[in-house]
Structure formats: structure tokens, C-alpha cells
N, C-alpha and C. Protein backbone atom coordinates (compact mmCIF):
# COMPACT_ATOMS: atom_id res chain seq x y z
N UNK A 1 -45.24 13.17 23.00
CA UNK A 1 -46.63 13.06 22.59
C UNK A 1 -47.49 12.90 23.85
N UNK A 2 -48.55 13.71 23.97
CA UNK A 2 -49.40 13.60 25.17
C UNK A 2 -50.16 12.28 25.19
N UNK A 3 -50.51 11.79 26.39
CA UNK A 3 -51.25 10.53 26.46
C UNK A 3 -52.63 10.68 25.81
N UNK A 4 -53.13 9.56 25.30
CA UNK A 4 -54.45 9.58 24.66
C UNK A 4 -55.53 9.86 25.69
N UNK A 5 -56.58 10.53 25.24
CA UNK A 5 -57.72 10.79 26.10
C UNK A 5 -58.66 9.59 26.11
N UNK A 6 -59.59 9.57 27.02
CA UNK A 6 -60.58 8.49 27.06
C UNK A 6 -61.42 8.51 25.78
N UNK A 7 -61.69 9.68 25.25
CA UNK A 7 -62.43 9.78 23.99
C UNK A 7 -61.65 9.10 22.88
N UNK A 8 -60.36 9.37 22.79
CA UNK A 8 -59.52 8.74 21.77
C UNK A 8 -59.48 7.22 21.95
N UNK A 9 -59.41 6.78 23.22
CA UNK A 9 -59.44 5.34 23.49
C UNK A 9 -60.72 4.71 22.95
N UNK A 10 -61.84 5.39 23.18
CA UNK A 10 -63.14 4.90 22.71
C UNK A 10 -63.17 4.81 21.19
N UNK A 11 -62.73 5.87 20.53
CA UNK A 11 -62.77 5.90 19.06
C UNK A 11 -61.85 4.83 18.49
N UNK A 12 -60.65 4.69 19.05
CA UNK A 12 -59.71 3.67 18.59
C UNK A 12 -60.31 2.27 18.75
N UNK A 13 -60.87 2.00 19.92
CA UNK A 13 -61.45 0.68 20.19
C UNK A 13 -62.62 0.42 19.25
N UNK A 14 -63.49 1.41 19.11
CA UNK A 14 -64.65 1.25 18.22
C UNK A 14 -64.19 1.01 16.79
N UNK A 15 -63.20 1.75 16.33
CA UNK A 15 -62.72 1.58 14.97
C UNK A 15 -62.20 0.16 14.75
N UNK A 16 -61.41 -0.34 15.67
CA UNK A 16 -60.90 -1.72 15.53
C UNK A 16 -62.05 -2.72 15.38
N UNK A 17 -63.07 -2.58 16.23
CA UNK A 17 -64.19 -3.51 16.19
C UNK A 17 -65.05 -3.32 14.94
N UNK A 18 -65.29 -2.07 14.56
CA UNK A 18 -66.10 -1.81 13.36
C UNK A 18 -65.40 -2.36 12.12
N UNK A 19 -64.07 -2.20 12.04
CA UNK A 19 -63.33 -2.73 10.89
C UNK A 19 -63.47 -4.24 10.82
N UNK A 20 -63.37 -4.88 11.94
CA UNK A 20 -63.40 -6.34 11.98
C UNK A 20 -64.80 -6.91 11.85
N UNK A 21 -65.77 -6.33 12.59
CA UNK A 21 -67.08 -6.96 12.73
C UNK A 21 -68.23 -6.23 12.04
N UNK A 22 -68.02 -5.00 11.61
CA UNK A 22 -69.10 -4.22 11.02
C UNK A 22 -69.71 -3.28 12.06
N UNK A 23 -70.64 -2.49 11.61
CA UNK A 23 -71.20 -1.43 12.46
C UNK A 23 -72.39 -1.91 13.27
N UNK A 24 -73.38 -2.49 12.62
CA UNK A 24 -74.56 -2.96 13.35
C UNK A 24 -74.21 -4.14 14.26
N UNK A 25 -73.30 -4.99 13.81
CA UNK A 25 -72.95 -6.19 14.58
C UNK A 25 -72.12 -5.89 15.81
N UNK A 26 -71.53 -4.73 15.87
CA UNK A 26 -70.70 -4.35 17.03
C UNK A 26 -71.57 -3.63 18.05
N UNK A 27 -71.73 -4.24 19.18
CA UNK A 27 -72.54 -3.65 20.24
C UNK A 27 -71.73 -2.70 21.11
N UNK A 28 -72.44 -1.84 21.80
CA UNK A 28 -71.81 -0.89 22.71
C UNK A 28 -71.03 -1.61 23.80
N UNK A 29 -71.57 -2.73 24.29
CA UNK A 29 -70.89 -3.48 25.36
C UNK A 29 -69.50 -3.93 24.90
N UNK A 30 -69.40 -4.37 23.66
CA UNK A 30 -68.10 -4.81 23.13
C UNK A 30 -67.13 -3.63 23.05
N UNK A 31 -67.62 -2.47 22.64
CA UNK A 31 -66.77 -1.28 22.55
C UNK A 31 -66.28 -0.89 23.95
N UNK A 32 -67.18 -0.91 24.92
CA UNK A 32 -66.81 -0.55 26.29
C UNK A 32 -65.75 -1.50 26.83
N UNK A 33 -65.92 -2.78 26.55
CA UNK A 33 -64.94 -3.77 27.00
C UNK A 33 -63.59 -3.57 26.32
N UNK A 34 -63.62 -3.36 25.01
CA UNK A 34 -62.38 -3.16 24.25
C UNK A 34 -61.64 -1.90 24.70
N UNK A 35 -62.38 -0.83 24.98
CA UNK A 35 -61.78 0.44 25.38
C UNK A 35 -61.50 0.51 26.88
N UNK A 36 -62.06 -0.44 27.62
CA UNK A 36 -61.93 -0.47 29.07
C UNK A 36 -62.43 0.83 29.71
N UNK A 37 -63.65 1.22 29.29
CA UNK A 37 -64.30 2.40 29.86
C UNK A 37 -65.72 2.05 30.27
N UNK A 38 -66.31 2.91 31.05
CA UNK A 38 -67.68 2.70 31.51
C UNK A 38 -68.67 3.30 30.50
N UNK A 39 -69.91 2.88 30.63
CA UNK A 39 -70.97 3.43 29.78
C UNK A 39 -71.10 4.93 30.01
N UNK A 40 -70.90 5.36 31.26
CA UNK A 40 -70.99 6.78 31.57
C UNK A 40 -69.91 7.57 30.80
N UNK A 41 -68.72 7.00 30.70
CA UNK A 41 -67.65 7.66 29.94
C UNK A 41 -68.02 7.76 28.47
N UNK A 42 -68.57 6.67 27.93
CA UNK A 42 -69.00 6.68 26.53
C UNK A 42 -69.99 7.81 26.28
N UNK A 43 -71.03 7.88 27.10
CA UNK A 43 -72.08 8.87 26.86
C UNK A 43 -71.68 10.28 27.30
N UNK A 44 -70.57 10.38 27.98
CA UNK A 44 -70.01 11.71 28.26
C UNK A 44 -69.44 12.30 26.96
N UNK A 45 -68.89 11.44 26.12
CA UNK A 45 -68.24 11.88 24.88
C UNK A 45 -69.14 11.78 23.65
N UNK A 46 -70.07 10.84 23.66
CA UNK A 46 -70.91 10.60 22.48
C UNK A 46 -72.36 10.44 22.91
N UNK A 47 -73.27 11.07 22.19
CA UNK A 47 -74.68 10.98 22.52
C UNK A 47 -75.32 9.69 22.05
N UNK A 48 -74.68 9.02 21.08
CA UNK A 48 -75.26 7.81 20.51
C UNK A 48 -74.17 6.95 19.88
N UNK A 49 -74.53 5.72 19.58
CA UNK A 49 -73.61 4.83 18.86
C UNK A 49 -73.29 5.42 17.49
N UNK A 50 -74.28 6.02 16.85
CA UNK A 50 -74.08 6.59 15.52
C UNK A 50 -73.05 7.72 15.56
N UNK A 51 -73.06 8.50 16.63
CA UNK A 51 -72.07 9.57 16.77
C UNK A 51 -70.66 8.97 16.93
N UNK A 52 -70.56 7.86 17.65
CA UNK A 52 -69.29 7.15 17.80
C UNK A 52 -68.83 6.59 16.45
N UNK A 53 -69.75 6.05 15.68
CA UNK A 53 -69.42 5.53 14.35
C UNK A 53 -68.87 6.65 13.47
N UNK A 54 -69.51 7.81 13.53
CA UNK A 54 -69.03 8.94 12.74
C UNK A 54 -67.62 9.35 13.13
N UNK A 55 -67.33 9.35 14.43
CA UNK A 55 -65.98 9.70 14.89
C UNK A 55 -64.98 8.65 14.42
N UNK A 56 -65.35 7.38 14.49
CA UNK A 56 -64.46 6.30 14.05
C UNK A 56 -64.21 6.40 12.54
N UNK A 57 -65.25 6.66 11.77
CA UNK A 57 -65.08 6.78 10.32
C UNK A 57 -64.26 8.00 9.95
N UNK A 58 -64.42 9.08 10.67
CA UNK A 58 -63.61 10.28 10.41
C UNK A 58 -62.14 10.00 10.65
N UNK A 59 -61.86 9.29 11.73
CA UNK A 59 -60.48 8.91 12.02
C UNK A 59 -59.93 7.99 10.92
N UNK A 60 -60.72 7.01 10.52
CA UNK A 60 -60.28 6.08 9.47
C UNK A 60 -60.07 6.81 8.15
N UNK A 61 -60.96 7.74 7.83
CA UNK A 61 -60.83 8.51 6.60
C UNK A 61 -59.47 9.20 6.56
N UNK A 62 -59.15 9.92 7.61
CA UNK A 62 -57.89 10.66 7.63
C UNK A 62 -56.70 9.70 7.57
N UNK A 63 -56.73 8.66 8.37
CA UNK A 63 -55.62 7.71 8.40
C UNK A 63 -55.44 7.00 7.06
N UNK A 64 -56.56 6.57 6.47
CA UNK A 64 -56.45 5.82 5.22
C UNK A 64 -55.91 6.71 4.11
N UNK A 65 -56.44 7.92 3.99
CA UNK A 65 -55.95 8.81 2.93
C UNK A 65 -54.50 9.18 3.15
N UNK A 66 -54.12 9.47 4.41
CA UNK A 66 -52.71 9.77 4.70
C UNK A 66 -51.83 8.60 4.29
N UNK A 67 -52.24 7.39 4.68
CA UNK A 67 -51.45 6.21 4.35
C UNK A 67 -51.38 6.00 2.84
N UNK A 68 -52.53 5.99 2.18
CA UNK A 68 -52.58 5.68 0.75
C UNK A 68 -51.72 6.64 -0.06
N UNK A 69 -51.91 7.94 0.14
CA UNK A 69 -51.19 8.89 -0.70
C UNK A 69 -49.71 8.97 -0.34
N UNK A 70 -49.37 8.72 0.91
CA UNK A 70 -47.95 8.64 1.28
C UNK A 70 -47.29 7.43 0.62
N UNK A 71 -47.98 6.28 0.66
CA UNK A 71 -47.43 5.08 0.02
C UNK A 71 -47.28 5.28 -1.48
N UNK A 72 -48.25 5.93 -2.11
CA UNK A 72 -48.17 6.18 -3.55
C UNK A 72 -46.93 7.00 -3.89
N UNK A 73 -46.66 8.00 -3.05
CA UNK A 73 -45.49 8.85 -3.30
C UNK A 73 -44.19 8.06 -3.11
N UNK A 74 -44.15 7.23 -2.08
CA UNK A 74 -42.95 6.44 -1.81
C UNK A 74 -42.72 5.39 -2.90
N UNK A 75 -43.78 4.70 -3.28
CA UNK A 75 -43.65 3.60 -4.23
C UNK A 75 -43.50 4.07 -5.67
N UNK A 76 -43.93 5.30 -5.96
CA UNK A 76 -44.01 5.73 -7.34
C UNK A 76 -42.84 6.46 -7.93
N UNK A 77 -42.21 7.33 -7.18
CA UNK A 77 -41.13 8.12 -7.77
C UNK A 77 -41.66 9.28 -8.57
N UNK A 78 -41.82 9.13 -9.87
CA UNK A 78 -42.31 10.22 -10.72
C UNK A 78 -43.80 10.44 -10.48
N UNK A 79 -44.31 11.64 -10.79
CA UNK A 79 -45.75 11.89 -10.60
C UNK A 79 -46.63 10.87 -11.32
N UNK A 80 -46.27 10.50 -12.53
CA UNK A 80 -47.06 9.50 -13.27
C UNK A 80 -47.02 8.14 -12.56
N UNK A 81 -45.83 7.72 -12.16
CA UNK A 81 -45.70 6.43 -11.48
C UNK A 81 -46.44 6.43 -10.14
N UNK A 82 -46.49 7.59 -9.48
CA UNK A 82 -47.20 7.69 -8.21
C UNK A 82 -48.69 7.39 -8.39
N UNK A 83 -49.26 7.86 -9.47
CA UNK A 83 -50.69 7.61 -9.73
C UNK A 83 -50.95 6.10 -9.81
N UNK A 84 -50.12 5.41 -10.55
CA UNK A 84 -50.32 3.98 -10.73
C UNK A 84 -49.88 3.16 -9.52
N UNK A 85 -49.06 3.76 -8.66
CA UNK A 85 -48.62 3.08 -7.44
C UNK A 85 -49.78 2.90 -6.45
N UNK A 86 -50.90 3.56 -6.72
CA UNK A 86 -52.08 3.35 -5.87
C UNK A 86 -52.39 1.85 -5.79
N UNK A 87 -52.24 1.16 -6.89
CA UNK A 87 -52.58 -0.26 -6.93
C UNK A 87 -51.54 -1.11 -6.18
N UNK A 88 -50.30 -0.66 -6.17
CA UNK A 88 -49.28 -1.34 -5.39
C UNK A 88 -49.58 -1.20 -3.89
N UNK A 89 -49.98 0.00 -3.50
CA UNK A 89 -50.35 0.23 -2.10
C UNK A 89 -51.56 -0.61 -1.72
N UNK A 90 -52.54 -0.67 -2.62
CA UNK A 90 -53.72 -1.50 -2.35
C UNK A 90 -53.32 -2.96 -2.17
N UNK A 91 -52.39 -3.42 -2.98
CA UNK A 91 -51.90 -4.79 -2.85
C UNK A 91 -51.31 -5.05 -1.47
N UNK A 92 -50.57 -4.09 -0.95
CA UNK A 92 -50.03 -4.22 0.41
C UNK A 92 -51.18 -4.36 1.41
N UNK A 93 -52.19 -3.54 1.25
CA UNK A 93 -53.36 -3.57 2.15
C UNK A 93 -54.04 -4.93 2.07
N UNK A 94 -54.27 -5.42 0.85
CA UNK A 94 -54.95 -6.70 0.67
C UNK A 94 -54.17 -7.86 1.28
N UNK A 95 -52.84 -7.77 1.23
CA UNK A 95 -51.99 -8.84 1.77
C UNK A 95 -51.76 -8.71 3.28
N UNK A 96 -52.35 -7.69 3.89
CA UNK A 96 -52.18 -7.50 5.34
C UNK A 96 -50.85 -6.90 5.72
N UNK A 97 -50.24 -6.14 4.79
CA UNK A 97 -48.93 -5.53 5.03
C UNK A 97 -49.01 -4.05 5.34
N UNK A 98 -50.20 -3.45 5.25
CA UNK A 98 -50.36 -2.01 5.40
C UNK A 98 -50.45 -1.63 6.88
N UNK A 99 -49.68 -0.62 7.25
CA UNK A 99 -49.77 -0.04 8.59
C UNK A 99 -50.50 1.29 8.42
N UNK A 100 -51.79 1.25 8.70
CA UNK A 100 -52.65 2.42 8.50
C UNK A 100 -52.91 3.03 9.88
N UNK A 101 -52.30 4.17 10.13
CA UNK A 101 -52.39 4.76 11.46
C UNK A 101 -51.29 4.20 12.34
N UNK A 102 -51.48 4.36 13.62
CA UNK A 102 -50.48 3.87 14.58
C UNK A 102 -50.62 2.37 14.73
N UNK A 103 -49.54 1.74 15.08
CA UNK A 103 -49.63 0.32 15.37
C UNK A 103 -48.96 -0.56 14.34
N UNK A 104 -49.55 -1.72 14.16
CA UNK A 104 -48.95 -2.74 13.29
C UNK A 104 -49.82 -2.94 12.06
N UNK A 105 -49.32 -3.74 11.15
CA UNK A 105 -50.07 -4.03 9.92
C UNK A 105 -51.43 -4.62 10.28
N UNK A 106 -52.42 -4.22 9.52
CA UNK A 106 -53.78 -4.67 9.82
C UNK A 106 -54.24 -5.75 8.85
N UNK A 107 -55.05 -6.62 9.36
CA UNK A 107 -55.67 -7.66 8.55
C UNK A 107 -56.71 -7.00 7.64
N UNK A 108 -56.66 -7.29 6.35
CA UNK A 108 -57.62 -6.72 5.41
C UNK A 108 -59.00 -7.33 5.63
N UNK A 109 -59.98 -6.46 5.87
CA UNK A 109 -61.37 -6.88 6.11
C UNK A 109 -62.33 -6.16 5.19
N UNK A 110 -61.84 -5.64 4.08
CA UNK A 110 -62.70 -4.90 3.17
C UNK A 110 -62.71 -3.42 3.50
N UNK A 111 -63.48 -2.69 2.75
CA UNK A 111 -63.55 -1.23 2.91
C UNK A 111 -64.63 -0.86 3.91
N UNK A 112 -64.25 -0.22 5.01
CA UNK A 112 -65.25 0.16 6.00
C UNK A 112 -66.24 1.20 5.49
N UNK A 113 -65.85 1.96 4.48
CA UNK A 113 -66.75 2.99 3.95
C UNK A 113 -67.84 2.36 3.09
N UNK A 114 -67.50 1.33 2.35
CA UNK A 114 -68.52 0.60 1.60
C UNK A 114 -69.46 -0.10 2.57
N UNK A 115 -68.89 -0.70 3.61
CA UNK A 115 -69.71 -1.36 4.62
C UNK A 115 -70.65 -0.37 5.31
N UNK A 116 -70.11 0.79 5.67
CA UNK A 116 -70.93 1.81 6.33
C UNK A 116 -72.07 2.27 5.42
N UNK A 117 -71.75 2.51 4.15
CA UNK A 117 -72.77 2.95 3.20
C UNK A 117 -73.85 1.89 3.02
N UNK A 118 -73.45 0.63 3.06
CA UNK A 118 -74.43 -0.46 2.92
C UNK A 118 -75.29 -0.59 4.18
N UNK A 119 -74.68 -0.46 5.35
CA UNK A 119 -75.43 -0.61 6.59
C UNK A 119 -76.30 0.60 6.90
N UNK A 120 -75.90 1.75 6.40
CA UNK A 120 -76.68 2.99 6.57
C UNK A 120 -77.00 3.48 5.16
N UNK A 121 -77.93 2.77 4.51
CA UNK A 121 -78.15 2.91 3.07
C UNK A 121 -78.84 4.20 2.64
N UNK A 122 -79.54 4.86 3.52
CA UNK A 122 -80.20 6.11 3.17
C UNK A 122 -79.12 7.15 2.85
N UNK A 123 -79.12 7.69 1.64
CA UNK A 123 -78.06 8.60 1.23
C UNK A 123 -78.06 9.90 2.03
N UNK A 124 -79.13 10.17 2.77
CA UNK A 124 -79.18 11.35 3.63
C UNK A 124 -78.66 11.06 5.03
N UNK A 125 -78.42 9.81 5.36
CA UNK A 125 -77.92 9.46 6.68
C UNK A 125 -76.51 10.04 6.84
N UNK A 126 -76.20 10.65 7.97
CA UNK A 126 -74.87 11.23 8.17
C UNK A 126 -73.73 10.22 8.01
N UNK A 127 -73.95 8.98 8.39
CA UNK A 127 -72.91 7.96 8.24
C UNK A 127 -72.70 7.65 6.77
N UNK A 128 -73.78 7.53 6.02
CA UNK A 128 -73.67 7.30 4.57
C UNK A 128 -72.94 8.47 3.92
N UNK A 129 -73.28 9.68 4.33
CA UNK A 129 -72.63 10.87 3.77
C UNK A 129 -71.13 10.87 4.06
N UNK A 130 -70.75 10.44 5.26
CA UNK A 130 -69.32 10.35 5.60
C UNK A 130 -68.60 9.39 4.66
N UNK A 131 -69.24 8.27 4.39
CA UNK A 131 -68.65 7.28 3.48
C UNK A 131 -68.50 7.86 2.08
N UNK A 132 -69.53 8.54 1.61
CA UNK A 132 -69.48 9.14 0.28
C UNK A 132 -68.41 10.24 0.21
N UNK A 133 -68.28 11.02 1.29
CA UNK A 133 -67.26 12.07 1.32
C UNK A 133 -65.86 11.48 1.24
N UNK A 134 -65.65 10.35 1.90
CA UNK A 134 -64.33 9.69 1.83
C UNK A 134 -64.00 9.34 0.37
N UNK A 135 -64.96 8.74 -0.32
CA UNK A 135 -64.72 8.33 -1.71
C UNK A 135 -64.49 9.56 -2.59
N UNK A 136 -65.23 10.62 -2.35
CA UNK A 136 -65.07 11.86 -3.12
C UNK A 136 -63.68 12.46 -2.90
N UNK A 137 -63.20 12.46 -1.65
CA UNK A 137 -61.88 13.01 -1.37
C UNK A 137 -60.77 12.19 -2.04
N UNK A 138 -60.95 10.89 -2.11
CA UNK A 138 -59.97 10.04 -2.81
C UNK A 138 -59.91 10.46 -4.28
N UNK A 139 -61.06 10.62 -4.90
CA UNK A 139 -61.10 11.01 -6.32
C UNK A 139 -60.49 12.39 -6.52
N UNK A 140 -60.78 13.33 -5.63
CA UNK A 140 -60.22 14.68 -5.76
C UNK A 140 -58.69 14.65 -5.72
N UNK A 141 -58.14 13.91 -4.75
CA UNK A 141 -56.68 13.85 -4.64
C UNK A 141 -56.08 13.12 -5.84
N UNK A 142 -56.73 12.05 -6.28
CA UNK A 142 -56.26 11.37 -7.49
C UNK A 142 -56.26 12.33 -8.69
N UNK A 143 -57.31 13.14 -8.78
CA UNK A 143 -57.38 14.13 -9.86
C UNK A 143 -56.22 15.11 -9.81
N UNK A 144 -55.89 15.56 -8.61
CA UNK A 144 -54.75 16.47 -8.44
C UNK A 144 -53.46 15.77 -8.85
N UNK A 145 -53.32 14.51 -8.48
CA UNK A 145 -52.11 13.77 -8.84
C UNK A 145 -52.04 13.53 -10.35
N UNK A 146 -53.18 13.23 -10.97
CA UNK A 146 -53.21 13.04 -12.43
C UNK A 146 -52.85 14.35 -13.13
N UNK A 147 -53.33 15.46 -12.59
CA UNK A 147 -53.01 16.76 -13.16
C UNK A 147 -51.52 17.03 -13.04
N UNK A 148 -50.95 16.78 -11.86
CA UNK A 148 -49.51 16.99 -11.65
C UNK A 148 -48.68 16.11 -12.57
N UNK A 149 -49.20 14.93 -12.90
CA UNK A 149 -48.50 14.00 -13.80
C UNK A 149 -48.74 14.34 -15.26
N UNK A 150 -49.52 15.39 -15.51
CA UNK A 150 -49.85 15.84 -16.86
C UNK A 150 -50.51 14.74 -17.68
N UNK A 151 -51.37 13.97 -17.01
CA UNK A 151 -52.13 12.93 -17.69
C UNK A 151 -53.37 13.55 -18.33
N UNK A 152 -53.84 13.00 -19.44
CA UNK A 152 -54.99 13.59 -20.14
C UNK A 152 -56.28 13.47 -19.31
N UNK A 153 -57.12 14.49 -19.41
CA UNK A 153 -58.41 14.52 -18.71
C UNK A 153 -58.28 14.04 -17.26
N UNK A 154 -57.52 14.77 -16.44
CA UNK A 154 -57.18 14.28 -15.11
C UNK A 154 -58.38 13.95 -14.21
N UNK A 155 -59.43 14.75 -14.27
CA UNK A 155 -60.60 14.48 -13.41
C UNK A 155 -61.32 13.21 -13.85
N UNK A 156 -61.47 13.07 -15.16
CA UNK A 156 -62.12 11.88 -15.70
C UNK A 156 -61.29 10.62 -15.43
N UNK A 157 -59.98 10.74 -15.61
CA UNK A 157 -59.09 9.63 -15.35
C UNK A 157 -59.13 9.24 -13.86
N UNK A 158 -59.16 10.23 -13.00
CA UNK A 158 -59.23 9.96 -11.56
C UNK A 158 -60.48 9.16 -11.22
N UNK A 159 -61.59 9.51 -11.82
CA UNK A 159 -62.84 8.77 -11.59
C UNK A 159 -62.70 7.33 -12.07
N UNK A 160 -62.10 7.14 -13.22
CA UNK A 160 -61.92 5.79 -13.76
C UNK A 160 -60.97 4.97 -12.89
N UNK A 161 -59.90 5.60 -12.44
CA UNK A 161 -58.96 4.90 -11.56
C UNK A 161 -59.64 4.52 -10.24
N UNK A 162 -60.48 5.41 -9.74
CA UNK A 162 -61.20 5.13 -8.50
C UNK A 162 -62.16 3.95 -8.70
N UNK A 163 -62.78 3.87 -9.86
CA UNK A 163 -63.65 2.73 -10.14
C UNK A 163 -62.86 1.42 -10.18
N UNK A 164 -61.68 1.45 -10.78
CA UNK A 164 -60.81 0.27 -10.77
C UNK A 164 -60.39 -0.08 -9.35
N UNK A 165 -60.09 0.93 -8.55
CA UNK A 165 -59.72 0.73 -7.15
C UNK A 165 -60.85 0.05 -6.40
N UNK A 166 -62.07 0.54 -6.58
CA UNK A 166 -63.22 -0.03 -5.88
C UNK A 166 -63.48 -1.47 -6.33
N UNK A 167 -63.32 -1.73 -7.61
CA UNK A 167 -63.48 -3.10 -8.10
C UNK A 167 -62.44 -4.03 -7.51
N UNK A 168 -61.21 -3.56 -7.40
CA UNK A 168 -60.15 -4.39 -6.80
C UNK A 168 -60.46 -4.67 -5.33
N UNK A 169 -60.94 -3.65 -4.61
CA UNK A 169 -61.30 -3.83 -3.19
C UNK A 169 -62.43 -4.85 -3.07
N UNK A 170 -63.42 -4.73 -3.93
CA UNK A 170 -64.55 -5.67 -3.88
C UNK A 170 -64.07 -7.09 -4.16
N UNK A 171 -63.22 -7.26 -5.16
CA UNK A 171 -62.73 -8.60 -5.49
C UNK A 171 -61.86 -9.16 -4.37
N UNK A 172 -61.02 -8.33 -3.80
CA UNK A 172 -60.18 -8.78 -2.68
C UNK A 172 -61.04 -9.16 -1.48
N UNK A 173 -62.14 -8.45 -1.28
CA UNK A 173 -63.03 -8.73 -0.15
C UNK A 173 -63.84 -9.99 -0.39
N UNK A 174 -64.46 -10.09 -1.53
CA UNK A 174 -65.39 -11.19 -1.80
C UNK A 174 -64.67 -12.49 -2.17
N UNK A 175 -63.69 -12.37 -3.06
CA UNK A 175 -63.00 -13.57 -3.54
C UNK A 175 -61.72 -13.86 -2.76
N UNK A 176 -61.31 -12.92 -1.91
CA UNK A 176 -60.06 -13.10 -1.19
C UNK A 176 -58.85 -13.05 -2.10
N UNK A 177 -58.97 -12.34 -3.20
CA UNK A 177 -57.93 -12.30 -4.21
C UNK A 177 -57.00 -11.11 -3.98
N UNK A 178 -55.86 -11.34 -3.36
CA UNK A 178 -54.89 -10.27 -3.10
C UNK A 178 -54.23 -9.78 -4.39
N UNK A 179 -54.36 -10.52 -5.49
CA UNK A 179 -53.78 -10.08 -6.76
C UNK A 179 -54.71 -9.13 -7.52
N UNK A 180 -55.87 -8.87 -6.98
CA UNK A 180 -56.83 -7.98 -7.64
C UNK A 180 -56.23 -6.60 -7.90
N UNK A 181 -55.40 -6.13 -7.00
CA UNK A 181 -54.78 -4.82 -7.19
C UNK A 181 -53.84 -4.81 -8.39
N UNK A 182 -53.08 -5.87 -8.56
CA UNK A 182 -52.16 -5.96 -9.71
C UNK A 182 -52.94 -6.02 -11.01
N UNK A 183 -54.05 -6.75 -11.03
CA UNK A 183 -54.88 -6.82 -12.24
C UNK A 183 -55.48 -5.44 -12.55
N UNK A 184 -55.94 -4.75 -11.51
CA UNK A 184 -56.50 -3.41 -11.71
C UNK A 184 -55.43 -2.45 -12.23
N UNK A 185 -54.20 -2.61 -11.77
CA UNK A 185 -53.11 -1.75 -12.24
C UNK A 185 -52.87 -1.98 -13.73
N UNK A 186 -52.90 -3.23 -14.18
CA UNK A 186 -52.73 -3.51 -15.61
C UNK A 186 -53.81 -2.81 -16.42
N UNK A 187 -55.04 -2.85 -15.93
CA UNK A 187 -56.15 -2.18 -16.65
C UNK A 187 -55.95 -0.65 -16.63
N UNK A 188 -55.46 -0.13 -15.50
CA UNK A 188 -55.23 1.32 -15.40
C UNK A 188 -54.17 1.77 -16.40
N UNK A 189 -53.11 1.02 -16.51
CA UNK A 189 -52.05 1.37 -17.48
C UNK A 189 -52.60 1.33 -18.89
N UNK A 190 -53.47 0.37 -19.17
CA UNK A 190 -54.07 0.26 -20.52
C UNK A 190 -55.03 1.40 -20.82
N UNK A 191 -55.57 2.03 -19.79
CA UNK A 191 -56.44 3.20 -20.00
C UNK A 191 -55.70 4.29 -20.75
N UNK A 192 -54.41 4.36 -20.54
CA UNK A 192 -53.60 5.41 -21.18
C UNK A 192 -52.91 4.90 -22.42
């Protein structure tokens, strides 16, 4: 594997800080220190902090979806069980057991896409759009999995499962309830 570029170092460092501290609260100086690069290097690769945020969210989007759907397949077995294993995977994430991307298990700090959408609330903002696209892609893949499992009304079911997923994430974030995923799974099973 080739060594990481300075751009990749910046995006990785920014993503770690954005996940932990949020987007507005994370200053460029902190990113530079975390990535061990100069301001000149940052602006060689990114024209603005917002452009860096977009790169970090794009990386997180790919990593999170890769992780989530891979875990669902591993934990589920049959196509139907894979759909419901989404909540088992979420439980791992909430408990700090999920290895999303390279490295070690990460501390659960809530959904960065919800945070991004809240901090960049204008629905026309490119960062808000990235967050919305992430959620849309999750629903699309869930719909495909529901269809493969021959579940009724797969697109509608995918939307409902995504709503349960979002509720579990919110509860795990706000109340610190790692069992929220298991409760959401019980409700998902009752949907059918």
C-alpha cells in the first residue's frame, strides 16, 4: 500500500476532530496541529475549511456505509436477517466496538451527518447536501437489501427502517443509551 499523501493526512486528521468536536468548534489551527502540516499545505489542497469538511464527510460517508453494510452481511446470514442486523451493527457502534475505516474501534460521538446538517442548516449548502446524500444512500441500499430479502414494499420498508435507525442514533447520542439499537430492532421486527 502506498504511503498516505499530505492531503489524506489532512482529511484523516480533520475527520477525527470533526467527529469528536463538531465542525464549527474545530478550528483550522487544531487540524494543522493534528495533521502536523503547515497552513500553506492545507491551502495547497483545500481552498477553505468548508472544502476540507466536504472531503472529510465524503471519506466518512464511504467508510461508514462500507462498514455498516459489511457488518450487516456478516451478522445476518440470510438476506432477511441481514436487513435486521443493521441494528446489531448500530449497537456495536454505540458501544464503541465498531472499527469504521482503518485503525481501532472508535468512541461513539453521534452521527456526523446529522451534526453537519444542523451546523450547516441551509438545505442548499453543499455540506448540508452531502449529509442528505449520505442518508439517501443508506435508504437506497436498505431498499435493495429489503428487495433481495423479498420483504413487502421494500422501498417503503427501507424508509421506515432508516427512521428507526435515526431514532436509535439520536437516543444513543442524547441519552447515552447503547441499548437503543436493540429496542429499534424489536420495533423493526414488529413492522413485519
